[in-house]
Amino acid sequence: MLRWYLIYSKASGETSAQSNLERQNYEVYLPRLLQTVQRRGRWIDRVVSLFPRYLFVRVEEGRQSLSPVRSTVGVAGIVRFGPQYTAVPEHIIRELREREDAESGLHRLRPPLPLSPGSRVRIAAGPFGGLEGVFERHSGSERVLVLLKLLGQDASVRVPVGFVLSAATG
């Protein structure tokens, strides 16, 4: 019988734990997220763990043991409630995988905005936070172009999709 278990990794050790567990022939699932962060005044996209410090390992009971998992480099422990390790239902893993982007395998925190060109929008964060403009188009999977009036001139600005709200819902 195949069962999934939740693994708690060492700080920033998810990918190390994943590669070391896979090297031991365990099936591992590490859900990841594309996150937009500001570094040195620039917005960059980086891939991070959807559940920081957690990953899933699938064990074929009777053939594989959880004992080597506990001492694997990058692993801090196996999540348990009381004396028993907690098995994660198969449908949870399946649903997480179904929510991944088909191309990149990454998760998104919010669904794409149902905006059409010409829609009024408000930018909620970042250097243009609080400004209202007009949605022009999507620019890749994580950014959009918004037409803003800056210093009396119209300017197209590329911003993370998560920063844009419909002006109607504000």
Protein backbone atom coordinates (compact mmCIF):
# COMPACT_ATOMS: atom_id res chain seq x y z
CA MET A 1 0.00 0.00 0.00
CA LEU A 2 1.31 3.46 -0.97
CA ARG A 3 0.94 6.25 1.58
CA TRP A 4 1.98 9.90 1.64
CA TYR A 5 3.59 11.41 4.74
CA LEU A 6 4.33 15.02 5.63
CA ILE A 7 8.02 15.78 6.18
CA TYR A 8 9.31 18.77 8.18
CA SER A 9 12.61 19.99 6.75
CA LYS A 10 15.44 21.97 8.25
CA ALA A 11 15.32 25.73 7.64
CA SER A 12 15.57 26.35 3.88
CA GLY A 13 16.25 22.64 3.47
CA GLU A 14 13.26 21.55 1.37
CA THR A 15 15.20 21.12 -1.88
CA SER A 16 18.11 19.41 -0.12
CA ALA A 17 15.70 17.01 1.58
CA GLN A 18 13.92 16.42 -1.74
CA SER A 19 17.07 15.51 -3.66
CA ASN A 20 18.42 13.30 -0.85
CA LEU A 21 15.09 11.45 -0.48
CA GLU A 22 14.84 10.94 -4.24
CA ARG A 23 18.40 9.59 -4.22
CA GLN A 24 17.10 6.95 -1.78
CA ASN A 25 14.29 6.03 -4.24
CA TYR A 26 11.45 7.74 -2.39
CA GLU A 27 8.77 9.53 -4.37
CA VAL A 28 8.76 13.16 -3.21
CA TYR A 29 6.35 16.00 -3.86
CA LEU A 30 7.47 19.56 -3.11
CA PRO A 31 4.78 22.06 -4.14
CA ARG A 32 6.38 25.31 -5.30
CA LEU A 33 5.16 28.84 -5.85
CA LEU A 34 6.30 31.65 -8.14
CA GLN A 35 6.60 34.72 -5.89
CA THR A 36 7.35 38.30 -6.87
CA VAL A 37 9.69 40.08 -4.45
CA GLN A 38 11.54 43.37 -4.42
CA ARG A 39 15.35 43.19 -4.34
CA ARG A 40 17.55 46.27 -4.54
CA GLY A 41 14.66 48.34 -5.85
CA ARG A 42 13.76 45.88 -8.62
CA TRP A 43 10.92 43.39 -8.77
CA ILE A 44 12.07 39.85 -9.45
CA ASP A 45 10.32 36.50 -9.64
CA ARG A 46 11.63 33.67 -7.51
CA VAL A 47 10.50 30.12 -6.87
CA VAL A 48 9.77 29.29 -3.23
CA SER A 49 8.13 26.44 -1.38
CA LEU A 50 4.32 26.67 -1.21
CA PHE A 51 4.53 25.33 2.35
CA PRO A 52 7.87 26.55 3.75
CA ARG A 53 9.80 23.73 5.45
CA TYR A 54 7.29 21.04 4.40
CA LEU A 55 7.28 18.42 1.66
CA PHE A 56 5.56 15.11 1.05
CA VAL A 57 7.11 11.66 0.70
CA ARG A 58 5.35 8.57 -0.61
CA VAL A 59 6.23 5.26 0.99
CA GLU A 60 5.37 1.79 -0.22
CA GLU A 61 4.56 0.12 3.07
CA GLY A 62 6.07 -3.32 3.44
CA ARG A 63 8.82 -2.48 0.94
CA GLN A 64 10.10 0.89 2.17
CA SER A 65 10.63 2.13 5.70
CA LEU A 66 10.23 5.62 7.14
CA SER A 67 13.31 5.10 9.36
CA PRO A 68 15.87 6.32 6.76
CA VAL A 69 13.71 9.40 6.11
CA ARG A 70 14.27 10.69 9.66
CA SER A 71 18.05 10.75 9.24
CA THR A 72 18.12 12.10 5.69
CA VAL A 73 20.15 15.29 5.18
CA GLY A 74 17.74 18.25 5.09
CA VAL A 75 14.99 16.48 7.06
CA ALA A 76 14.19 17.70 10.58
CA GLY A 77 11.47 15.11 11.22
CA ILE A 78 8.27 13.42 10.14
CA VAL A 79 5.05 15.10 11.21
CA ARG A 80 3.08 13.07 13.70
CA PHE A 81 0.15 13.43 16.02
CA GLY A 82 0.87 11.44 19.14
CA PRO A 83 2.99 8.36 18.56
CA GLN A 84 1.79 7.72 14.97
CA TYR A 85 3.09 9.35 11.81
CA THR A 86 0.26 11.10 10.06
CA ALA A 87 -0.61 9.79 6.61
CA VAL A 88 -1.77 12.41 4.11
CA PRO A 89 -4.77 11.27 2.05
CA GLU A 90 -4.02 10.64 -1.64
CA HIS A 91 -6.77 13.06 -2.74
CA ILE A 92 -4.97 15.99 -1.02
CA ILE A 93 -1.82 15.40 -3.09
CA ARG A 94 -3.91 14.91 -6.25
CA GLU A 95 -5.78 18.20 -5.65
CA LEU A 96 -2.53 20.09 -5.03
CA ARG A 97 -1.09 18.73 -8.27
CA GLU A 98 -4.24 19.67 -10.18
CA ARG A 99 -3.87 23.29 -9.05
CA GLU A 100 -0.36 23.61 -10.47
CA ASP A 101 0.26 25.56 -13.64
CA ALA A 102 0.38 23.02 -16.48
CA GLU A 103 3.51 24.49 -18.08
CA SER A 104 5.69 25.43 -15.11
CA GLY A 105 4.41 23.09 -12.40
CA LEU A 106 4.21 26.09 -10.06
CA HIS A 107 1.31 27.29 -7.94
CA ARG A 108 -0.17 30.78 -7.95
CA LEU A 109 -1.62 32.50 -4.92
CA ARG A 110 -4.49 34.13 -6.74
CA PRO A 111 -6.32 33.22 -9.90
CA PRO A 112 -5.72 35.36 -12.97
CA LEU A 113 -7.79 38.53 -12.98
CA PRO A 114 -10.83 38.49 -15.26
CA LEU A 115 -9.82 41.84 -16.78
CA SER A 116 -10.27 42.92 -20.33
CA PRO A 117 -8.43 45.70 -22.14
CA GLY A 118 -9.87 49.06 -21.13
CA SER A 119 -10.94 47.96 -17.62
CA ARG A 120 -10.34 50.48 -14.83
CA VAL A 121 -7.86 49.12 -12.26
CA ARG A 122 -6.13 50.25 -9.08
CA ILE A 123 -2.59 49.29 -8.17
CA ALA A 124 -2.58 48.10 -4.56
CA ALA A 125 1.16 47.84 -3.80
CA GLY A 126 4.62 48.67 -5.02
CA PRO A 127 5.97 52.01 -6.22
CA PHE A 128 2.70 52.82 -8.02
CA GLY A 129 0.49 51.71 -5.11
CA GLY A 130 -2.75 53.70 -4.85
CA LEU A 131 -2.75 54.89 -8.47
CA GLU A 132 -5.62 54.13 -10.81
CA GLY A 133 -5.19 53.31 -14.45
CA VAL A 134 -6.44 51.30 -17.39
CA PHE A 135 -5.66 47.62 -17.91
CA GLU A 136 -3.93 47.10 -21.27
CA ARG A 137 -2.95 43.43 -21.42
CA HIS A 138 -1.22 40.52 -19.71
CA SER A 139 2.56 40.53 -20.05
CA GLY A 140 3.60 36.97 -19.32
CA SER A 141 1.97 34.80 -16.69
CA GLU A 142 2.75 36.96 -13.66
CA ARG A 143 2.69 40.57 -14.90
CA VAL A 144 0.31 42.97 -16.60
CA LEU A 145 0.61 46.25 -18.46
CA VAL A 146 -1.36 49.14 -16.99
CA LEU A 147 -1.72 52.57 -18.59
CA LEU A 148 -1.13 55.27 -15.95
CA LYS A 149 -1.16 59.04 -16.14
CA LEU A 150 2.26 60.06 -14.77
CA LEU A 151 3.37 63.70 -14.75
CA GLY A 152 0.69 64.57 -17.28
CA GLN A 153 1.78 61.85 -19.70
CA ASP A 154 0.31 58.43 -20.41
CA ALA A 155 2.78 55.66 -19.58
CA SER A 156 2.51 51.89 -19.83
CA VAL A 157 3.78 50.29 -16.64
CA ARG A 158 4.52 46.58 -16.17
CA VAL A 159 3.47 45.43 -12.68
CA PRO A 160 2.99 42.08 -10.92
CA VAL A 161 -0.53 40.76 -11.49
CA GLY A 162 -1.00 40.39 -7.72
CA PHE A 163 -0.70 44.16 -7.28
CA VAL A 164 -3.64 44.94 -9.58
CA LEU A 165 -7.24 45.17 -8.37
CA SER A 166 -10.38 45.99 -10.27
CA ALA A 167 -11.20 49.65 -9.57
CA ALA A 168 -14.85 48.61 -9.09
CA THR A 169 -13.96 46.31 -6.15
CA GLY A 170 -11.03 48.44 -4.97
